[in-house]
Amino acid sequence: MTAPSRERARRALDIVLAATGLVALAPAAAALAALILLRIGPPVLFRQTRTGRGGVEFSILKFRTMRPPDRPGQPDGERETRIGRLLRSASLDELPQLVNILRGDMSIIGPRPTVPEQVRHYTARQWRRLDVRPGLTGWAQVCGRNSLSWPDRIELDLWYIEHRTWWLDLRIVARTAACLLRPRGVTGAGGVNPGFPAADPPVKEAADAP
């Protein structure tokens, strides 16, 4: 199978899986949306600009997990909610990204999409992370997630892109299932996801970051 044929097959599989997931999980998603409205308030969805394949920016969708700030510069830790922590620990806040997959912004498997502020710091080698569609889950996600530094995560993503096969994708799916059963690395040290490069301050809405 040629490279273009493989990409078409991946895209077709993404559409089938995302559409099936949206239908199957619609009752659960509706219940979560109602719970967020009751416990946190509107809006239900958190939107943030991310960088996708080829550097094209798009709006990523997540279930909202934090209260609005009561004052400018309020720490994320003070805005956390119990329901938000539960959603993040089970990765249920990511469910709306099935819509991003249907739109073509994302794939089921690939490097997690990052914010444009981080991409501007990429080296020429790191820019290769944008050669494929970002994913709902990926190799770096199942190898440590936010417990890893950004340079380490990017290297894992580059390794995935260089060795991408259907078999590797199946391994990632299996390891993702294991991670959902025993969540690890949901947030970085101290509950804050690091920015990139390491000297930068943490990204705003850190608890809702990748």
N, C-alpha and C. Protein backbone atom coordinates (compact mmCIF):
# COMPACT_ATOMS: atom_id res chain seq x y z
N MET A 1 0.84 -1.19 0.00
CA MET A 1 0.00 0.00 0.00
C MET A 1 0.88 1.24 0.00
N THR A 2 0.60 2.17 -0.92
CA THR A 2 1.39 3.38 -1.01
C THR A 2 1.06 4.33 0.15
N ALA A 3 1.95 5.31 0.36
CA ALA A 3 1.73 6.26 1.45
C ALA A 3 0.40 7.01 1.32
N PRO A 4 0.05 7.53 0.10
CA PRO A 4 -1.25 8.19 -0.02
C PRO A 4 -2.42 7.25 0.28
N SER A 5 -2.29 5.99 -0.13
CA SER A 5 -3.37 5.03 0.14
C SER A 5 -3.50 4.78 1.64
N ARG A 6 -2.36 4.69 2.33
CA ARG A 6 -2.40 4.49 3.78
C ARG A 6 -3.07 5.67 4.47
N GLU A 7 -2.76 6.88 4.00
CA GLU A 7 -3.37 8.06 4.61
C GLU A 7 -4.88 8.09 4.38
N ARG A 8 -5.31 7.70 3.19
CA ARG A 8 -6.75 7.65 2.92
C ARG A 8 -7.43 6.59 3.79
N ALA A 9 -6.74 5.46 3.96
CA ALA A 9 -7.31 4.40 4.81
C ALA A 9 -7.40 4.86 6.27
N ARG A 10 -6.37 5.56 6.74
CA ARG A 10 -6.40 6.08 8.11
C ARG A 10 -7.53 7.09 8.29
N ARG A 11 -7.71 7.94 7.30
CA ARG A 11 -8.75 8.95 7.39
C ARG A 11 -10.13 8.30 7.39
N ALA A 12 -10.32 7.30 6.55
CA ALA A 12 -11.60 6.60 6.51
C ALA A 12 -11.89 5.92 7.84
N LEU A 13 -10.86 5.30 8.42
CA LEU A 13 -11.03 4.63 9.72
C LEU A 13 -11.33 5.64 10.80
N ASP A 14 -10.66 6.79 10.76
CA ASP A 14 -10.93 7.85 11.73
C ASP A 14 -12.40 8.27 11.69
N ILE A 15 -12.93 8.46 10.48
CA ILE A 15 -14.32 8.91 10.32
C ILE A 15 -15.28 7.86 10.89
N VAL A 16 -15.03 6.60 10.55
CA VAL A 16 -15.91 5.52 11.03
C VAL A 16 -15.88 5.43 12.55
N LEU A 17 -14.68 5.44 13.13
CA LEU A 17 -14.55 5.29 14.59
C LEU A 17 -15.11 6.50 15.33
N ALA A 18 -14.84 7.70 14.81
CA ALA A 18 -15.34 8.91 15.48
C ALA A 18 -16.86 8.98 15.41
N ALA A 19 -17.43 8.68 14.25
CA ALA A 19 -18.88 8.72 14.11
C ALA A 19 -19.54 7.67 15.00
N THR A 20 -18.97 6.47 15.03
CA THR A 20 -19.50 5.41 15.88
C THR A 20 -19.42 5.80 17.35
N GLY A 21 -18.28 6.38 17.74
CA GLY A 21 -18.10 6.80 19.11
C GLY A 21 -19.08 7.88 19.52
N LEU A 22 -19.32 8.84 18.63
CA LEU A 22 -20.26 9.91 18.96
C LEU A 22 -21.67 9.38 19.16
N VAL A 23 -22.07 8.44 18.33
CA VAL A 23 -23.41 7.86 18.47
C VAL A 23 -23.51 7.03 19.75
N ALA A 24 -22.51 6.17 19.96
CA ALA A 24 -22.55 5.26 21.11
C ALA A 24 -22.46 6.00 22.44
N LEU A 25 -21.68 7.09 22.44
CA LEU A 25 -21.44 7.81 23.68
C LEU A 25 -22.34 9.03 23.87
N ALA A 26 -23.27 9.23 22.95
CA ALA A 26 -24.15 10.41 23.04
C ALA A 26 -24.89 10.49 24.37
N PRO A 27 -25.48 9.41 24.89
CA PRO A 27 -26.16 9.52 26.19
C PRO A 27 -25.22 9.92 27.32
N ALA A 28 -24.01 9.33 27.34
CA ALA A 28 -23.04 9.68 28.37
C ALA A 28 -22.59 11.12 28.23
N ALA A 29 -22.36 11.57 26.98
CA ALA A 29 -21.93 12.95 26.75
C ALA A 29 -23.00 13.93 27.19
N ALA A 30 -24.28 13.60 26.94
CA ALA A 30 -25.38 14.47 27.35
C ALA A 30 -25.45 14.56 28.87
N ALA A 31 -25.24 13.43 29.54
CA ALA A 31 -25.27 13.42 31.00
C ALA A 31 -24.12 14.25 31.57
N LEU A 32 -22.95 14.12 30.97
CA LEU A 32 -21.80 14.91 31.43
C LEU A 32 -22.02 16.40 31.21
N ALA A 33 -22.61 16.74 30.06
CA ALA A 33 -22.89 18.15 29.78
C ALA A 33 -23.85 18.73 30.81
N ALA A 34 -24.88 17.95 31.15
CA ALA A 34 -25.84 18.42 32.16
C ALA A 34 -25.17 18.58 33.52
N LEU A 35 -24.28 17.66 33.86
CA LEU A 35 -23.57 17.72 35.14
C LEU A 35 -22.67 18.95 35.21
N ILE A 36 -22.00 19.25 34.10
CA ILE A 36 -21.13 20.43 34.06
C ILE A 36 -21.96 21.70 34.21
N LEU A 37 -23.11 21.76 33.55
CA LEU A 37 -23.99 22.93 33.68
C LEU A 37 -24.42 23.14 35.12
N LEU A 38 -24.73 22.05 35.81
CA LEU A 38 -25.22 22.14 37.19
C LEU A 38 -24.10 22.48 38.17
N ARG A 39 -22.93 21.87 37.97
CA ARG A 39 -21.85 22.01 38.95
C ARG A 39 -20.91 23.17 38.66
N ILE A 40 -20.67 23.46 37.39
CA ILE A 40 -19.69 24.50 37.02
C ILE A 40 -20.38 25.70 36.38
N GLY A 41 -21.42 25.42 35.59
CA GLY A 41 -22.10 26.49 34.88
C GLY A 41 -21.67 26.54 33.42
N PRO A 42 -22.38 27.35 32.62
CA PRO A 42 -22.02 27.45 31.21
C PRO A 42 -20.73 28.25 31.03
N PRO A 43 -20.04 28.05 29.89
CA PRO A 43 -20.36 27.11 28.82
C PRO A 43 -19.91 25.70 29.16
N VAL A 44 -20.48 24.73 28.48
CA VAL A 44 -20.14 23.33 28.73
C VAL A 44 -18.78 22.99 28.12
N LEU A 45 -18.49 23.58 26.96
CA LEU A 45 -17.26 23.25 26.24
C LEU A 45 -16.16 24.27 26.47
N PHE A 46 -14.95 23.77 26.58
CA PHE A 46 -13.74 24.57 26.63
C PHE A 46 -13.13 24.53 25.24
N ARG A 47 -12.83 25.70 24.68
CA ARG A 47 -12.23 25.79 23.35
C ARG A 47 -10.87 26.48 23.46
N GLN A 48 -9.92 25.97 22.71
CA GLN A 48 -8.59 26.57 22.71
C GLN A 48 -7.96 26.37 21.34
N THR A 49 -7.23 27.35 20.89
CA THR A 49 -6.54 27.25 19.60
C THR A 49 -5.35 26.31 19.72
N ARG A 50 -5.29 25.34 18.85
CA ARG A 50 -4.17 24.40 18.80
C ARG A 50 -3.60 24.38 17.39
N THR A 51 -2.40 23.84 17.26
CA THR A 51 -1.74 23.74 15.97
C THR A 51 -1.82 22.31 15.46
N GLY A 52 -2.32 22.16 14.23
CA GLY A 52 -2.48 20.84 13.65
C GLY A 52 -1.46 20.55 12.57
N ARG A 53 -1.81 19.62 11.70
CA ARG A 53 -0.89 19.19 10.65
C ARG A 53 -0.50 20.35 9.75
N GLY A 54 0.80 20.42 9.49
CA GLY A 54 1.31 21.47 8.63
C GLY A 54 1.28 22.86 9.24
N GLY A 55 1.04 22.94 10.55
CA GLY A 55 1.00 24.24 11.21
C GLY A 55 -0.34 24.94 11.13
N VAL A 56 -1.36 24.27 10.59
CA VAL A 56 -2.69 24.87 10.49
C VAL A 56 -3.36 24.88 11.87
N GLU A 57 -3.87 26.02 12.27
CA GLU A 57 -4.48 26.15 13.59
C GLU A 57 -5.97 25.79 13.53
N PHE A 58 -6.47 25.24 14.63
CA PHE A 58 -7.88 24.90 14.73
C PHE A 58 -8.31 25.05 16.19
N SER A 59 -9.62 25.00 16.42
CA SER A 59 -10.18 25.14 17.77
C SER A 59 -10.48 23.76 18.33
N ILE A 60 -9.72 23.37 19.37
CA ILE A 60 -9.94 22.07 19.98
C ILE A 60 -11.12 22.15 20.95
N LEU A 61 -11.84 21.06 21.07
CA LEU A 61 -13.02 21.01 21.95
C LEU A 61 -12.77 20.07 23.12
N LYS A 62 -13.14 20.50 24.31
CA LYS A 62 -13.10 19.67 25.50
C LYS A 62 -14.29 20.02 26.38
N PHE A 63 -14.67 19.07 27.24
CA PHE A 63 -15.61 19.44 28.28
C PHE A 63 -14.91 20.34 29.28
N ARG A 64 -15.60 21.37 29.71
CA ARG A 64 -15.03 22.33 30.64
C ARG A 64 -14.86 21.70 32.02
N THR A 65 -13.72 21.96 32.65
CA THR A 65 -13.44 21.34 33.95
C THR A 65 -13.09 22.35 35.04
N MET A 66 -13.05 23.65 34.71
CA MET A 66 -12.65 24.66 35.69
C MET A 66 -13.68 25.78 35.76
N ARG A 67 -13.78 26.40 36.93
CA ARG A 67 -14.65 27.56 37.10
C ARG A 67 -14.01 28.78 36.45
N PRO A 68 -14.80 29.78 36.05
CA PRO A 68 -14.23 31.03 35.56
C PRO A 68 -13.42 31.69 36.68
N PRO A 69 -12.38 32.45 36.36
CA PRO A 69 -11.58 33.11 37.40
C PRO A 69 -12.39 34.17 38.13
N ASP A 70 -12.20 34.23 39.43
CA ASP A 70 -12.86 35.26 40.24
C ASP A 70 -12.12 36.58 40.18
N ARG A 71 -10.85 36.50 39.79
CA ARG A 71 -10.02 37.70 39.70
C ARG A 71 -8.92 37.45 38.68
N PRO A 72 -8.33 38.50 38.11
CA PRO A 72 -7.25 38.32 37.15
C PRO A 72 -6.06 37.59 37.77
N GLY A 73 -5.52 36.64 37.04
CA GLY A 73 -4.34 35.92 37.51
C GLY A 73 -4.61 34.88 38.57
N GLN A 74 -5.88 34.54 38.80
CA GLN A 74 -6.19 33.53 39.81
C GLN A 74 -5.55 32.19 39.44
N PRO A 75 -4.86 31.54 40.38
CA PRO A 75 -4.21 30.26 40.08
C PRO A 75 -5.22 29.20 39.65
N ASP A 76 -4.78 28.33 38.73
CA ASP A 76 -5.67 27.27 38.24
C ASP A 76 -6.14 26.37 39.37
N GLY A 77 -5.26 26.15 40.37
CA GLY A 77 -5.62 25.26 41.47
C GLY A 77 -6.85 25.72 42.22
N GLU A 78 -7.05 27.03 42.30
CA GLU A 78 -8.21 27.57 43.00
C GLU A 78 -9.49 27.45 42.17
N ARG A 79 -9.33 27.18 40.88
CA ARG A 79 -10.48 27.10 39.98
C ARG A 79 -10.89 25.65 39.70
N GLU A 80 -10.12 24.72 40.20
CA GLU A 80 -10.42 23.31 39.97
C GLU A 80 -11.73 22.92 40.65
N THR A 81 -12.40 21.98 40.07
CA THR A 81 -13.64 21.46 40.63
C THR A 81 -13.53 19.95 40.80
N ARG A 82 -14.34 19.42 41.68
CA ARG A 82 -14.30 17.97 41.90
C ARG A 82 -14.71 17.22 40.63
N ILE A 83 -15.76 17.70 39.97
CA ILE A 83 -16.18 17.03 38.74
C ILE A 83 -15.11 17.17 37.67
N GLY A 84 -14.42 18.32 37.66
CA GLY A 84 -13.36 18.52 36.68
C GLY A 84 -12.21 17.55 36.87
N ARG A 85 -11.82 17.33 38.12
CA ARG A 85 -10.74 16.37 38.39
C ARG A 85 -11.15 14.97 37.98
N LEU A 86 -12.41 14.62 38.21
CA LEU A 86 -12.90 13.31 37.82
C LEU A 86 -12.88 13.15 36.30
N LEU A 87 -13.33 14.17 35.59
CA LEU A 87 -13.36 14.10 34.13
C LEU A 87 -11.95 13.96 33.57
N ARG A 88 -11.00 14.72 34.12
CA ARG A 88 -9.63 14.66 33.60
C ARG A 88 -8.96 13.34 33.92
N SER A 89 -9.18 12.82 35.13
CA SER A 89 -8.53 11.58 35.52
C SER A 89 -9.00 10.42 34.64
N ALA A 90 -10.25 10.47 34.18
CA ALA A 90 -10.79 9.42 33.31
C ALA A 90 -10.69 9.80 31.83
N SER A 91 -10.11 10.99 31.55
CA SER A 91 -9.98 11.51 30.17
C SER A 91 -11.33 11.71 29.50
N LEU A 92 -12.40 11.82 30.29
CA LEU A 92 -13.72 12.05 29.71
C LEU A 92 -13.87 13.46 29.15
N ASP A 93 -13.03 14.38 29.62
CA ASP A 93 -13.09 15.73 29.08
C ASP A 93 -12.68 15.79 27.61
N GLU A 94 -12.03 14.73 27.12
CA GLU A 94 -11.57 14.69 25.74
C GLU A 94 -12.64 14.23 24.75
N LEU A 95 -13.78 13.74 25.22
CA LEU A 95 -14.78 13.16 24.33
C LEU A 95 -15.20 14.10 23.17
N PRO A 96 -15.38 15.40 23.41
CA PRO A 96 -15.79 16.26 22.30
C PRO A 96 -14.79 16.31 21.14
N GLN A 97 -13.59 15.85 21.36
CA GLN A 97 -12.61 15.85 20.27
C GLN A 97 -12.94 14.85 19.17
N LEU A 98 -13.91 13.98 19.42
CA LEU A 98 -14.41 13.14 18.33
C LEU A 98 -14.97 14.02 17.21
N VAL A 99 -15.52 15.17 17.58
CA VAL A 99 -15.99 16.13 16.57
C VAL A 99 -14.81 16.69 15.79
N ASN A 100 -13.71 17.00 16.47
CA ASN A 100 -12.50 17.47 15.78
C ASN A 100 -11.99 16.43 14.79
N ILE A 101 -12.13 15.15 15.15
CA ILE A 101 -11.68 14.08 14.25
C ILE A 101 -12.57 14.03 13.02
N LEU A 102 -13.88 14.14 13.20
CA LEU A 102 -14.78 14.16 12.04
C LEU A 102 -14.50 15.33 11.12
N ARG A 103 -14.16 16.47 11.71
CA ARG A 103 -13.86 17.66 10.92
C ARG A 103 -12.57 17.52 10.12
N GLY A 104 -11.70 16.61 10.55
CA GLY A 104 -10.41 16.46 9.88
C GLY A 104 -9.29 17.20 10.56
N ASP A 105 -9.58 17.84 11.71
CA ASP A 105 -8.55 18.54 12.47
C ASP A 105 -7.58 17.55 13.10
N MET A 106 -8.13 16.39 13.52
CA MET A 106 -7.36 15.43 14.30
C MET A 106 -7.57 14.02 13.77
N SER A 107 -6.79 13.10 14.33
CA SER A 107 -6.90 11.69 14.04
C SER A 107 -7.14 10.95 15.36
N ILE A 108 -7.47 9.68 15.31
CA ILE A 108 -7.59 8.91 16.55
C ILE A 108 -6.22 8.81 17.22
N ILE A 109 -5.18 8.56 16.43
CA ILE A 109 -3.83 8.37 16.97
C ILE A 109 -2.86 9.32 16.30
N GLY A 110 -2.07 9.99 17.12
CA GLY A 110 -1.07 10.93 16.63
C GLY A 110 -0.55 11.76 17.78
N PRO A 111 0.41 12.64 17.54
CA PRO A 111 0.89 13.53 18.61
C PRO A 111 -0.23 14.42 19.11
N ARG A 112 -0.29 14.66 20.41
CA ARG A 112 -1.32 15.54 20.95
C ARG A 112 -1.11 16.95 20.41
N PRO A 113 -2.20 17.63 20.02
CA PRO A 113 -2.05 18.99 19.47
C PRO A 113 -1.64 19.98 20.54
N THR A 114 -0.69 20.81 20.22
CA THR A 114 -0.19 21.77 21.20
C THR A 114 -0.58 23.19 20.80
N VAL A 115 -0.31 24.15 21.68
CA VAL A 115 -0.72 25.53 21.45
C VAL A 115 0.30 26.25 20.56
N PRO A 116 -0.14 27.24 19.78
CA PRO A 116 0.78 27.94 18.87
C PRO A 116 1.98 28.56 19.58
N GLU A 117 1.80 29.01 20.84
CA GLU A 117 2.91 29.62 21.56
C GLU A 117 4.07 28.64 21.72
N GLN A 118 3.77 27.35 21.85
CA GLN A 118 4.83 26.35 21.97
C GLN A 118 5.45 26.05 20.62
N VAL A 119 4.62 25.99 19.59
CA VAL A 119 5.12 25.67 18.26
C VAL A 119 6.13 26.70 17.78
N ARG A 120 5.96 27.95 18.19
CA ARG A 120 6.89 28.99 17.76
C ARG A 120 8.30 28.75 18.28
N HIS A 121 8.45 27.92 19.31
CA HIS A 121 9.77 27.60 19.85
C HIS A 121 10.38 26.35 19.22
N TYR A 122 9.65 25.66 18.35
CA TYR A 122 10.14 24.42 17.78
C TYR A 122 11.41 24.62 16.95
N THR A 123 12.29 23.64 17.02
CA THR A 123 13.43 23.59 16.09
C THR A 123 12.92 22.98 14.79
N ALA A 124 13.79 22.98 13.77
CA ALA A 124 13.41 22.39 12.48
C ALA A 124 13.04 20.91 12.66
N ARG A 125 13.79 20.20 13.50
CA ARG A 125 13.49 18.79 13.75
C ARG A 125 12.16 18.64 14.46
N GLN A 126 11.91 19.46 15.48
CA GLN A 126 10.67 19.35 16.23
C GLN A 126 9.45 19.71 15.39
N TRP A 127 9.64 20.55 14.38
CA TRP A 127 8.54 20.93 13.50
C TRP A 127 7.97 19.70 12.77
N ARG A 128 8.78 18.66 12.63
CA ARG A 128 8.32 17.43 11.97
C ARG A 128 7.19 16.77 12.75
N ARG A 129 7.00 17.16 13.98
CA ARG A 129 5.87 16.67 14.78
C ARG A 129 4.54 17.04 14.13
N LEU A 130 4.56 18.05 13.26
CA LEU A 130 3.35 18.52 12.60
C LEU A 130 3.16 17.89 11.22
N ASP A 131 3.93 16.85 10.92
CA ASP A 131 3.81 16.18 9.62
C ASP A 131 2.54 15.34 9.52
N VAL A 132 1.95 15.00 10.65
CA VAL A 132 0.73 14.18 10.65
C VAL A 132 -0.35 14.89 11.45
N ARG A 133 -1.58 14.43 11.29
CA ARG A 133 -2.66 15.00 12.09
C ARG A 133 -2.42 14.71 13.58
N PRO A 134 -2.69 15.65 14.46
CA PRO A 134 -2.60 15.37 15.90
C PRO A 134 -3.66 14.36 16.29
N GLY A 135 -3.42 13.68 17.42
CA GLY A 135 -4.31 12.59 17.78
C GLY A 135 -5.03 12.76 19.11
N LEU A 136 -6.08 11.97 19.26
CA LEU A 136 -6.79 11.88 20.53
C LEU A 136 -5.91 11.19 21.57
N THR A 137 -5.12 10.23 21.11
CA THR A 137 -4.11 9.58 21.93
C THR A 137 -2.89 9.35 21.06
N GLY A 138 -1.76 9.07 21.71
CA GLY A 138 -0.53 8.90 20.94
C GLY A 138 0.54 8.21 21.75
N TRP A 139 1.68 8.01 21.11
CA TRP A 139 2.78 7.29 21.74
C TRP A 139 3.28 8.00 22.99
N ALA A 140 3.46 9.31 22.93
CA ALA A 140 3.91 10.04 24.12
C ALA A 140 2.87 9.98 25.23
N GLN A 141 1.59 9.97 24.86
CA GLN A 141 0.52 9.89 25.86
C GLN A 141 0.59 8.60 26.67
N VAL A 142 0.90 7.49 26.01
CA VAL A 142 0.91 6.21 26.71
C VAL A 142 2.27 5.89 27.30
N CYS A 143 3.23 6.79 27.08
CA CYS A 143 4.58 6.58 27.64
C CYS A 143 4.89 7.53 28.80
N GLY A 144 3.87 8.24 29.29
CA GLY A 144 4.13 9.12 30.43
C GLY A 144 3.29 10.38 30.46
N ARG A 145 2.78 10.80 29.29
CA ARG A 145 1.88 11.94 29.23
C ARG A 145 2.53 13.19 29.85
N ASN A 146 1.84 13.88 30.74
CA ASN A 146 2.35 15.13 31.28
C ASN A 146 3.41 14.97 32.36
N SER A 147 3.71 13.73 32.74
CA SER A 147 4.81 13.52 33.68
C SER A 147 6.16 13.67 32.97
N LEU A 148 6.14 13.69 31.62
CA LEU A 148 7.35 13.86 30.83
C LEU A 148 7.55 15.33 30.48
N SER A 149 8.80 15.72 30.26
CA SER A 149 9.08 17.07 29.79
C SER A 149 8.62 17.18 28.34
N TRP A 150 8.40 18.40 27.88
CA TRP A 150 7.99 18.58 26.49
C TRP A 150 9.04 18.07 25.51
N PRO A 151 10.34 18.34 25.69
CA PRO A 151 11.32 17.77 24.75
C PRO A 151 11.24 16.26 24.67
N ASP A 152 11.04 15.59 25.82
CA ASP A 152 10.92 14.13 25.80
C ASP A 152 9.67 13.69 25.05
N ARG A 153 8.57 14.38 25.29
CA ARG A 153 7.34 14.03 24.60
C ARG A 153 7.47 14.21 23.09
N ILE A 154 8.11 15.30 22.70
CA ILE A 154 8.28 15.56 21.27
C ILE A 154 9.14 14.49 20.62
N GLU A 155 10.20 14.06 21.32
CA GLU A 155 11.05 13.00 20.77
C GLU A 155 10.27 11.69 20.62
N LEU A 156 9.41 11.39 21.58
CA LEU A 156 8.58 10.19 21.47
C LEU A 156 7.61 10.31 20.28
N ASP A 157 7.05 11.50 20.09
CA ASP A 157 6.16 11.70 18.95
C ASP A 157 6.90 11.58 17.63
N LEU A 158 8.11 12.10 17.57
CA LEU A 158 8.91 11.98 16.34
C LEU A 158 9.24 10.52 16.06
N TRP A 159 9.53 9.77 17.12
CA TRP A 159 9.81 8.35 16.94
C TRP A 159 8.57 7.65 16.38
N TYR A 160 7.40 8.01 16.88
CA TYR A 160 6.17 7.42 16.38
C TYR A 160 6.00 7.72 14.88
N ILE A 161 6.20 8.96 14.50
CA ILE A 161 6.02 9.35 13.09
C ILE A 161 6.98 8.57 12.20
N GLU A 162 8.21 8.37 12.67
CA GLU A 162 9.21 7.66 11.88
C GLU A 162 8.94 6.16 11.80
N HIS A 163 8.19 5.61 12.77
CA HIS A 163 7.96 4.17 12.83
C HIS A 163 6.47 3.81 12.75
N ARG A 164 5.67 4.71 12.27
CA ARG A 164 4.22 4.53 12.29
C ARG A 164 3.78 3.34 11.44
N THR A 165 3.09 2.41 12.06
CA THR A 165 2.52 1.25 11.39
C THR A 165 1.16 0.95 12.02
N TRP A 166 0.37 0.10 11.36
CA TRP A 166 -0.91 -0.30 11.93
C TRP A 166 -0.68 -1.07 13.23
N TRP A 167 0.37 -1.87 13.28
CA TRP A 167 0.67 -2.64 14.49
C TRP A 167 1.00 -1.72 15.66
N LEU A 168 1.78 -0.67 15.40
CA LEU A 168 2.10 0.28 16.46
C LEU A 168 0.85 1.00 16.93
N ASP A 169 -0.03 1.33 16.00
CA ASP A 169 -1.28 1.98 16.38
C ASP A 169 -2.12 1.07 17.29
N LEU A 170 -2.14 -0.23 16.99
CA LEU A 170 -2.87 -1.17 17.85
C LEU A 170 -2.25 -1.23 19.24
N ARG A 171 -0.92 -1.16 19.31
CA ARG A 171 -0.24 -1.14 20.61
C ARG A 171 -0.65 0.10 21.40
N ILE A 172 -0.75 1.23 20.72
CA ILE A 172 -1.13 2.47 21.39
C ILE A 172 -2.56 2.38 21.90
N VAL A 173 -3.46 1.80 21.11
CA VAL A 173 -4.84 1.64 21.54
C VAL A 173 -4.91 0.77 22.79
N ALA A 174 -4.16 -0.34 22.79
CA ALA A 174 -4.16 -1.23 23.95
C ALA A 174 -3.60 -0.54 25.18
N ARG A 175 -2.51 0.21 25.00
CA ARG A 175 -1.90 0.89 26.14
C ARG A 175 -2.77 2.06 26.61
N THR A 176 -3.51 2.67 25.69
CA THR A 176 -4.44 3.74 26.09
C THR A 176 -5.53 3.17 26.99
N ALA A 177 -6.05 2.01 26.63
CA ALA A 177 -7.07 1.37 27.46
C ALA A 177 -6.54 1.09 28.86
N ALA A 178 -5.28 0.63 28.93
CA ALA A 178 -4.66 0.36 30.23
C ALA A 178 -4.49 1.65 31.03
N CYS A 179 -4.12 2.73 30.34
CA CYS A 179 -3.94 4.02 31.01
C CYS A 179 -5.27 4.56 31.55
N LEU A 180 -6.35 4.30 30.83
CA LEU A 180 -7.66 4.76 31.29
C LEU A 180 -8.09 4.03 32.56
N LEU A 181 -7.69 2.76 32.65
CA LEU A 181 -8.02 1.98 33.84
C LEU A 181 -7.16 2.39 35.03
N ARG A 182 -5.90 2.77 34.75
CA ARG A 182 -4.98 3.20 35.81
C ARG A 182 -4.33 4.52 35.38
N PRO A 183 -5.06 5.63 35.54
CA PRO A 183 -4.57 6.92 35.05
C PRO A 183 -3.23 7.32 35.68
N ARG A 184 -2.30 7.78 34.83
CA ARG A 184 -1.02 8.28 35.30
C ARG A 184 -0.62 9.47 34.43
N GLY A 185 0.08 10.43 35.03
CA GLY A 185 0.62 11.53 34.24
C GLY A 185 -0.42 12.51 33.73
N VAL A 186 -1.60 12.56 34.38
CA VAL A 186 -2.64 13.48 33.92
C VAL A 186 -2.17 14.92 34.02
N THR A 187 -1.45 15.25 35.10
CA THR A 187 -0.84 16.56 35.25
C THR A 187 0.63 16.39 35.60
N GLY A 188 1.39 17.46 35.39
CA GLY A 188 2.79 17.42 35.71
C GLY A 188 3.04 17.62 37.19
N ALA A 189 4.31 17.83 37.54
CA ALA A 189 4.69 18.00 38.93
C ALA A 189 3.94 19.19 39.53
N GLY A 190 3.40 19.00 40.74
CA GLY A 190 2.67 20.06 41.42
C GLY A 190 1.32 20.35 40.82
N GLY A 191 0.85 19.44 39.93
CA GLY A 191 -0.47 19.63 39.34
C GLY A 191 -0.51 20.64 38.21
N VAL A 192 0.67 21.06 37.71
CA VAL A 192 0.73 22.05 36.63
C VAL A 192 1.47 21.44 35.46
N ASN A 193 0.88 21.54 34.27
CA ASN A 193 1.53 21.03 33.08
C ASN A 193 2.56 22.04 32.60
N PRO A 194 3.80 21.59 32.36
CA PRO A 194 4.86 22.53 32.00
C PRO A 194 4.66 23.14 30.63
N GLY A 195 5.16 24.37 30.48
CA GLY A 195 5.16 25.00 29.17
C GLY A 195 6.33 24.51 28.34
N PHE A 196 6.51 25.07 27.16
CA PHE A 196 7.62 24.70 26.29
C PHE A 196 8.16 25.97 25.65
N PRO A 197 9.48 26.22 25.72
CA PRO A 197 10.46 25.41 26.42
C PRO A 197 10.28 25.48 27.94
N ALA A 198 11.08 24.68 28.66
CA ALA A 198 10.89 24.51 30.10
C ALA A 198 10.96 25.82 30.86
N ALA A 199 11.71 26.79 30.34
CA ALA A 199 11.87 28.06 31.05
C ALA A 199 10.62 28.93 30.96
N ASP A 200 9.71 28.59 30.04
CA ASP A 200 8.51 29.39 29.89
C ASP A 200 7.55 29.15 31.04
N PRO A 201 6.68 30.11 31.35
CA PRO A 201 5.67 29.88 32.39
C PRO A 201 4.66 28.86 31.90
N PRO A 202 3.95 28.18 32.83
CA PRO A 202 2.94 27.22 32.43
C PRO A 202 1.87 27.86 31.55
N VAL A 203 1.34 27.08 30.62
CA VAL A 203 0.31 27.56 29.73
C VAL A 203 -0.96 27.83 30.53
N LYS A 204 -1.67 28.90 30.22
CA LYS A 204 -2.94 29.20 30.89
C LYS A 204 -3.91 28.06 30.70
N GLU A 205 -4.82 27.92 31.61
CA GLU A 205 -5.75 26.80 31.63
C GLU A 205 -4.95 25.51 31.67
N ALA A 206 -3.90 25.47 32.51
CA ALA A 206 -2.98 24.33 32.53
C ALA A 206 -3.69 23.02 32.75
N ALA A 207 -4.69 23.02 33.61
CA ALA A 207 -5.39 21.77 33.90
C ALA A 207 -6.16 21.28 32.69
N ASP A 208 -6.47 22.16 31.74
CA ASP A 208 -7.17 21.77 30.54
C ASP A 208 -6.23 21.62 29.36
N ALA A 209 -4.92 21.76 29.60
CA ALA A 209 -3.95 21.62 28.53
C ALA A 209 -3.77 20.16 28.18
N PRO A 210 -2.94 19.84 27.12
CA PRO A 210 -2.88 18.46 26.63
C PRO A 210 -2.47 17.47 27.69
